[in-house]
Amino acid sequence: KVINWPEGIKDANEALCLLGANKLKELAETATFAKIDGVFSADDCFDRMIFTFRHGKNRGTSTYFKGFDRNFTWRTGEVNIWTGYNNEGKSKFLKQLLLLKSFNENWRHAIFCPEELPIEDIYDDFIHSLIGKNVDRAYSNVMDESEYRAGYEFIRDKVFIIDPQKPTLENIFERASYLIRRFDVKTLTIDPYNQVWHEILSGEREDLYISRFMASLKSFAVKHDICLNLVAHQVTPEVQKEKNYPKPNLYKVKGGGTFADKTDNLLFVWRQNRNTNKKDTSVIVGSDKIKKQMLVGFPGEIDLEFNPVTNRYNEPGQ
């Protein structure tokens, strides 16, 4: 227990000498229990509770795909896993969602995506989607230089690339923390999981490491009140002639089901006809897990079309 000494009294001896034995006894009997680290009661958070009761909880905000908003919205303090098969557009769709938040709400983003280096290629991809025209003169529908400069001016303070020499999670977090403090970055994207330098303890099982890794992501997202995205591949399916890949599965993320167990939300991008018709541009995107459904959305999926000319996904007819 802890005794709170009256003003001007620094210890028990002064209380005894100046206030008397009976007062000292009273102070000892009314001492309060010391706060124990890691143990909480409702009293510790009631101010936040009454605020959200009066003004509403922290809800997810729009993706700017009206159909997809039923299945997922952006809620800070959460970890989102984006999964799908190799080269089916999960990173491209995620980048379009980030771009839409920048365009509509001035969000800024930090991205670790070493598979897409050099850095200028990453920015060109964003500018292509923003303007809706090609940046490569080897193709048709190329934007003019004034449009390219306009795209550059928009993107230059919206997207920041993280590329440390040793890409451990600690080094990625260190640079992301700087960007959050200086530029009020709202999201951190790690794309993909297998490009992080994983510091697995001697003898540590993979599932236990993944659990620890995901706990670190969650802690960082909550501490900085950001959305944290992790891109992770699906297990490679068995290729069968004249048959398409199965829909990405919650527990088929490469590395094991611990990813699904520990994430707040799990989203997927699936080119359902890719194996039988590589020219088919239809895509299904959806959510397979939403932890806080009343605040974020409900598991489900929508149909989209990818337009390689504009580098954009669109809902059919829009």
Protein backbone atom coordinates (compact mmCIF):
# COMPACT_ATOMS: atom_id res chain seq x y z
CA LYS A 1 0.00 0.00 0.00
CA VAL A 2 0.96 3.64 -0.43
CA ILE A 3 0.42 6.41 2.14
CA ASN A 4 -0.26 9.86 0.66
CA TRP A 5 1.33 12.28 3.15
CA PRO A 6 -0.44 15.58 3.86
CA GLU A 7 1.08 18.72 2.35
CA GLY A 8 4.31 19.67 4.12
CA ILE A 9 4.88 16.16 5.51
CA LYS A 10 7.65 14.19 3.86
CA ASP A 11 7.71 10.92 5.84
CA ALA A 12 6.30 8.95 8.80
CA ASN A 13 8.62 10.55 11.36
CA GLU A 14 7.40 14.08 10.48
CA ALA A 15 3.78 12.90 10.59
CA LEU A 16 4.37 11.43 14.09
CA CYS A 17 6.14 14.52 15.42
CA LEU A 18 3.88 17.17 13.89
CA LEU A 19 0.47 15.47 13.69
CA GLY A 20 0.63 12.87 16.44
CA ALA A 21 0.36 9.09 16.72
CA ASN A 22 -3.38 8.90 16.13
CA LYS A 23 -3.12 10.81 12.82
CA LEU A 24 -0.23 8.63 11.69
CA LYS A 25 -2.33 5.54 12.51
CA GLU A 26 -5.24 6.99 10.51
CA LEU A 27 -3.00 7.66 7.49
CA ALA A 28 -1.68 4.11 7.61
CA GLU A 29 -5.17 2.61 7.84
CA THR A 30 -6.44 4.64 4.84
CA ALA A 31 -3.42 3.86 2.64
CA THR A 32 -4.34 2.73 -0.87
CA PHE A 33 -3.10 -0.31 -2.72
CA ALA A 34 -0.13 0.34 -4.98
CA LYS A 35 -0.77 0.20 -8.72
CA ILE A 36 0.57 -3.06 -10.17
CA ASP A 37 2.08 -2.87 -13.64
CA GLY A 38 -0.04 -4.68 -16.20
CA VAL A 39 -3.23 -4.92 -14.08
CA PHE A 40 -6.14 -2.58 -14.85
CA SER A 41 -9.68 -1.87 -13.78
CA ALA A 42 -12.45 0.09 -15.46
CA ASP A 43 -11.42 3.12 -13.38
CA ASP A 44 -8.17 3.31 -15.34
CA CYS A 45 -9.96 3.98 -18.63
CA PHE A 46 -13.31 5.45 -17.65
CA ASP A 47 -12.46 8.88 -19.04
CA ARG A 48 -11.93 7.29 -22.48
CA MET A 49 -15.02 5.12 -22.05
CA ILE A 50 -17.35 8.03 -21.28
CA PHE A 51 -15.85 10.04 -24.16
CA THR A 52 -16.56 7.31 -26.71
CA PHE A 53 -20.01 6.71 -25.17
CA ARG A 54 -20.86 10.37 -25.72
CA HIS A 55 -19.12 10.94 -29.06
CA GLY A 56 -18.90 7.49 -30.67
CA LYS A 57 -16.18 4.88 -31.00
CA ASN A 58 -13.20 4.91 -33.33
CA ARG A 59 -14.83 3.44 -36.44
CA GLY A 60 -13.26 2.38 -39.69
CA THR A 61 -13.14 4.97 -42.47
CA SER A 62 -13.94 4.50 -46.15
CA THR A 63 -11.82 2.66 -48.71
CA TYR A 64 -13.68 4.67 -51.42
CA PHE A 65 -14.89 1.42 -52.95
CA LYS A 66 -18.53 1.56 -51.86
CA GLY A 67 -19.04 -2.17 -52.18
CA PHE A 68 -15.82 -3.04 -50.35
CA ASP A 69 -16.69 -0.74 -47.43
CA ARG A 70 -19.26 -3.33 -46.35
CA ASN A 71 -16.42 -5.84 -45.94
CA PHE A 72 -13.58 -3.66 -44.68
CA THR A 73 -12.79 -0.09 -43.62
CA TRP A 74 -9.60 1.53 -42.33
CA ARG A 75 -9.44 1.55 -38.51
CA THR A 76 -6.30 2.84 -36.81
CA GLY A 77 -4.61 0.68 -34.20
CA GLU A 78 -5.22 -2.47 -36.22
CA VAL A 79 -3.11 -4.93 -38.23
CA ASN A 80 -4.32 -5.98 -41.68
CA ILE A 81 -2.92 -8.97 -43.56
CA TRP A 82 -3.26 -8.83 -47.36
CA THR A 83 -2.90 -12.22 -48.98
CA GLY A 84 -3.25 -13.91 -52.35
CA TYR A 85 -1.27 -15.92 -54.85
CA ASN A 86 1.97 -14.68 -56.35
CA ASN A 87 1.62 -11.92 -58.96
CA GLU A 88 -2.17 -11.61 -58.71
CA GLY A 89 -2.26 -7.91 -57.77
CA LYS A 90 -2.60 -7.78 -53.98
CA SER A 91 0.17 -5.16 -53.66
CA LYS A 92 -1.23 -3.11 -56.53
CA PHE A 93 -4.72 -3.10 -55.04
CA LEU A 94 -3.35 -2.12 -51.64
CA LYS A 95 -1.40 0.75 -53.20
CA GLN A 96 -4.55 2.00 -54.90
CA LEU A 97 -6.35 2.00 -51.54
CA LEU A 98 -3.48 3.98 -49.99
CA LEU A 99 -3.59 6.44 -52.89
CA LEU A 100 -7.34 6.93 -52.45
CA LYS A 101 -6.84 7.81 -48.76
CA SER A 102 -4.17 10.34 -49.77
CA PHE A 103 -6.36 11.84 -52.49
CA ASN A 104 -9.50 12.12 -50.37
CA GLU A 105 -8.14 12.61 -46.84
CA ASN A 106 -4.50 13.68 -47.26
CA TRP A 107 -3.20 10.53 -45.55
CA ARG A 108 0.54 9.87 -45.68
CA HIS A 109 2.08 6.41 -45.89
CA ALA A 110 5.33 4.59 -45.07
CA ILE A 111 6.09 1.55 -47.24
CA PHE A 112 8.73 -1.17 -46.99
CA CYS A 113 8.59 -2.98 -50.35
CA PRO A 114 12.07 -4.14 -51.43
CA GLU A 115 10.71 -6.40 -54.17
CA GLU A 116 9.54 -3.30 -56.07
CA LEU A 117 12.83 -1.38 -56.00
CA PRO A 118 14.29 0.81 -57.44
CA ILE A 119 12.44 3.57 -55.61
CA GLU A 120 11.57 5.51 -58.77
CA ASP A 121 9.60 2.52 -60.07
CA ILE A 122 7.45 2.57 -56.94
CA TYR A 123 6.66 6.27 -57.35
CA ASP A 124 5.98 5.83 -61.07
CA ASP A 125 3.44 3.13 -60.24
CA PHE A 126 1.59 5.53 -57.93
CA ILE A 127 1.69 8.33 -60.53
CA HIS A 128 0.37 5.95 -63.21
CA SER A 129 -2.67 5.16 -61.02
CA LEU A 130 -3.16 8.78 -59.95
CA ILE A 131 -3.18 10.25 -63.47
CA GLY A 132 -4.63 7.17 -65.16
CA LYS A 133 -2.10 7.26 -67.97
CA ASN A 134 1.13 5.41 -68.67
CA VAL A 135 4.55 6.72 -67.62
CA ASP A 136 6.45 4.40 -69.97
CA ARG A 137 6.84 5.62 -73.56
CA ALA A 138 7.06 2.03 -74.79
CA TYR A 139 3.27 1.90 -74.38
CA SER A 140 0.33 3.92 -75.65
CA ASN A 141 -1.71 6.45 -73.65
CA VAL A 142 1.38 8.10 -72.13
CA MET A 143 0.85 11.20 -69.98
CA ASP A 144 2.56 14.45 -70.95
CA GLU A 145 5.27 16.01 -68.81
CA SER A 146 2.94 18.52 -67.15
CA GLU A 147 0.74 15.63 -65.98
CA TYR A 148 3.80 13.70 -64.79
CA ARG A 149 5.01 16.71 -62.79
CA ALA A 150 1.54 17.18 -61.31
CA GLY A 151 1.58 13.54 -60.22
CA TYR A 152 5.03 13.97 -58.73
CA GLU A 153 4.00 17.11 -56.81
CA PHE A 154 1.06 15.25 -55.31
CA ILE A 155 2.89 12.06 -54.36
CA ARG A 156 6.14 13.54 -53.07
CA ASP A 157 4.86 14.25 -49.55
CA LYS A 158 2.31 11.42 -49.39
CA VAL A 159 4.42 8.27 -49.78
CA PHE A 160 7.75 7.54 -48.06
CA ILE A 161 9.86 4.47 -48.81
CA ILE A 162 11.68 2.61 -46.05
CA ASP A 163 14.76 0.71 -47.25
CA PRO A 164 17.29 0.08 -44.45
CA GLN A 165 20.50 -1.82 -45.23
CA LYS A 166 19.52 -4.43 -42.65
CA PRO A 167 15.72 -4.74 -42.85
CA THR A 168 14.97 -6.13 -39.41
CA LEU A 169 11.59 -5.33 -37.90
CA GLU A 170 13.34 -3.09 -35.37
CA ASN A 171 15.02 -1.05 -38.13
CA ILE A 172 11.76 -0.74 -40.07
CA PHE A 173 9.95 0.42 -36.92
CA GLU A 174 12.68 2.94 -36.12
CA ARG A 175 12.29 4.64 -39.50
CA ALA A 176 8.52 4.43 -39.42
CA SER A 177 8.48 6.09 -35.98
CA TYR A 178 10.48 8.99 -37.40
CA LEU A 179 8.05 9.38 -40.31
CA ILE A 180 5.06 9.26 -37.95
CA ARG A 181 6.53 12.01 -35.75
CA ARG A 182 7.66 14.26 -38.59
CA PHE A 183 5.00 13.77 -41.28
CA ASP A 184 2.01 12.35 -39.37
CA VAL A 185 2.12 9.13 -41.39
CA LYS A 186 -1.11 7.14 -40.99
CA THR A 187 -0.11 3.73 -42.37
CA LEU A 188 2.89 1.42 -42.41
CA THR A 189 3.02 -1.31 -45.06
CA ILE A 190 5.43 -4.26 -44.93
CA ASP A 191 5.40 -5.93 -48.34
CA PRO A 192 6.03 -8.85 -48.17
CA TYR A 193 6.60 -10.71 -44.91
CA ASN A 194 9.40 -12.87 -46.34
CA GLN A 195 11.59 -9.83 -47.13
CA VAL A 196 12.00 -8.90 -43.45
CA TRP A 197 15.19 -10.15 -41.80
CA HIS A 198 13.61 -12.39 -39.18
CA GLU A 199 15.49 -12.69 -35.92
CA ILE A 200 14.33 -16.12 -34.77
CA LEU A 201 15.64 -17.28 -31.40
CA SER A 202 17.69 -20.45 -31.20
CA GLY A 203 15.34 -23.41 -31.05
CA GLU A 204 12.22 -21.24 -31.48
CA ARG A 205 9.35 -22.87 -33.37
CA GLU A 206 8.14 -20.98 -36.44
CA ASP A 207 4.58 -20.60 -35.14
CA LEU A 208 5.85 -19.12 -31.86
CA TYR A 209 8.07 -16.70 -33.76
CA ILE A 210 5.18 -15.63 -36.00
CA SER A 211 3.05 -15.08 -32.89
CA ARG A 212 5.79 -12.85 -31.43
CA PHE A 213 6.22 -11.03 -34.75
CA MET A 214 2.49 -10.33 -35.05
CA ALA A 215 2.32 -9.14 -31.44
CA SER A 216 5.07 -6.62 -32.26
CA LEU A 217 3.05 -5.33 -35.23
CA LYS A 218 -0.06 -4.94 -33.09
CA SER A 219 1.82 -3.14 -30.33
CA PHE A 220 3.33 -0.70 -32.85
CA ALA A 221 -0.05 -0.02 -34.50
CA VAL A 222 -1.74 0.70 -31.16
CA LYS A 223 1.13 2.79 -29.76
CA HIS A 224 1.23 5.07 -32.81
CA ASP A 225 -2.50 4.85 -33.71
CA ILE A 226 -1.84 3.84 -37.32
CA CYS A 227 -3.06 1.19 -39.76
CA LEU A 228 -0.39 -1.48 -40.23
CA ASN A 229 -0.49 -3.62 -43.39
CA LEU A 230 1.39 -6.88 -43.86
CA VAL A 231 1.45 -8.55 -47.28
CA ALA A 232 1.87 -12.33 -47.11
CA HIS A 233 1.64 -14.93 -49.88
CA GLN A 234 -0.72 -17.89 -49.94
CA VAL A 235 0.68 -21.41 -49.94
CA THR A 236 1.48 -22.34 -53.55
CA PRO A 237 -1.47 -24.40 -54.83
CA GLU A 238 -1.17 -27.56 -56.84
CA VAL A 239 -1.42 -26.53 -60.50
CA GLN A 240 -4.03 -28.55 -62.35
CA LYS A 241 -4.48 -28.17 -66.09
CA GLU A 242 -7.77 -26.52 -67.08
CA LYS A 243 -8.57 -25.75 -63.43
CA ASN A 244 -8.32 -22.46 -61.56
CA TYR A 245 -6.65 -21.91 -58.21
CA PRO A 246 -8.95 -22.19 -55.19
CA LYS A 247 -10.02 -19.03 -53.40
CA PRO A 248 -7.36 -17.77 -50.97
CA ASN A 249 -8.00 -19.22 -47.55
CA LEU A 250 -7.75 -17.71 -44.08
CA TYR A 251 -5.48 -20.50 -42.88
CA LYS A 252 -3.44 -20.94 -46.07
CA VAL A 253 -1.14 -17.96 -45.55
CA LYS A 254 2.39 -19.20 -46.14
CA GLY A 255 3.91 -19.72 -42.70
CA GLY A 256 0.84 -21.09 -40.97
CA GLY A 257 -2.48 -20.28 -39.37
CA THR A 258 -0.89 -18.19 -36.64
CA PHE A 259 -1.04 -15.22 -39.03
CA ALA A 260 -4.83 -15.53 -39.20
CA ASP A 261 -5.12 -16.08 -35.47
CA LYS A 262 -3.15 -12.97 -34.57
CA THR A 263 -4.25 -10.41 -37.16
CA ASP A 264 -7.18 -8.03 -36.73
CA ASN A 265 -8.30 -8.30 -40.34
CA LEU A 266 -7.40 -10.63 -43.19
CA LEU A 267 -8.06 -9.46 -46.76
CA PHE A 268 -7.50 -11.26 -50.04
CA VAL A 269 -7.09 -10.48 -53.74
CA TRP A 270 -7.93 -13.32 -56.15
CA ARG A 271 -7.81 -13.54 -59.94
CA GLN A 272 -10.23 -16.42 -60.03
CA ASN A 273 -9.77 -17.27 -63.72
CA ARG A 274 -6.04 -16.66 -64.04
CA ASN A 275 -4.93 -20.25 -64.50
CA THR A 276 -7.38 -20.91 -67.34
CA ASN A 277 -7.47 -17.46 -68.96
CA LYS A 278 -4.51 -15.18 -68.26
CA LYS A 279 -6.15 -12.31 -70.21
CA ASP A 280 -9.15 -12.24 -67.90
CA THR A 281 -8.99 -8.98 -65.90
CA SER A 282 -11.73 -9.82 -63.40
CA VAL A 283 -10.67 -9.86 -59.76
CA ILE A 284 -12.38 -10.77 -56.50
CA VAL A 285 -11.33 -8.87 -53.37
CA GLY A 286 -12.73 -9.53 -49.94
CA SER A 287 -12.27 -10.05 -46.25
CA ASP A 288 -11.98 -13.49 -44.66
CA LYS A 289 -11.62 -12.25 -41.09
CA ILE A 290 -12.74 -9.02 -39.41
CA LYS A 291 -12.15 -9.01 -35.65
CA LYS A 292 -14.33 -6.00 -34.72
CA GLN A 293 -17.12 -6.36 -37.24
CA MET A 294 -19.45 -3.69 -35.85
CA LEU A 295 -16.68 -1.10 -36.27
CA VAL A 296 -14.85 -2.28 -39.40
CA GLY A 297 -17.09 -4.40 -41.65
CA PHE A 298 -18.35 -7.91 -42.21
CA PRO A 299 -16.55 -10.74 -44.04
CA GLY A 300 -17.51 -10.89 -47.68
CA GLU A 301 -16.26 -10.12 -51.18
CA ILE A 302 -16.90 -7.98 -54.27
CA ASP A 303 -16.11 -8.26 -57.96
CA LEU A 304 -13.68 -5.79 -59.55
CA GLU A 305 -12.08 -5.24 -62.93
CA PHE A 306 -8.43 -4.28 -63.38
CA ASN A 307 -7.64 -1.81 -66.16
CA PRO A 308 -3.93 -2.08 -67.09
CA VAL A 309 -4.11 1.14 -69.14
CA THR A 310 -5.15 3.28 -66.16
CA ASN A 311 -3.44 0.98 -63.60
CA ARG A 312 -6.65 1.03 -61.56
CA TYR A 313 -9.19 -1.37 -60.14
CA ASN A 314 -12.82 -0.42 -60.68
CA GLU A 315 -16.16 -1.75 -59.59
CA PRO A 316 -18.04 -3.01 -62.67
CA GLY A 317 -19.77 -0.15 -64.46
CA GLN A 318 -17.96 2.57 -62.49
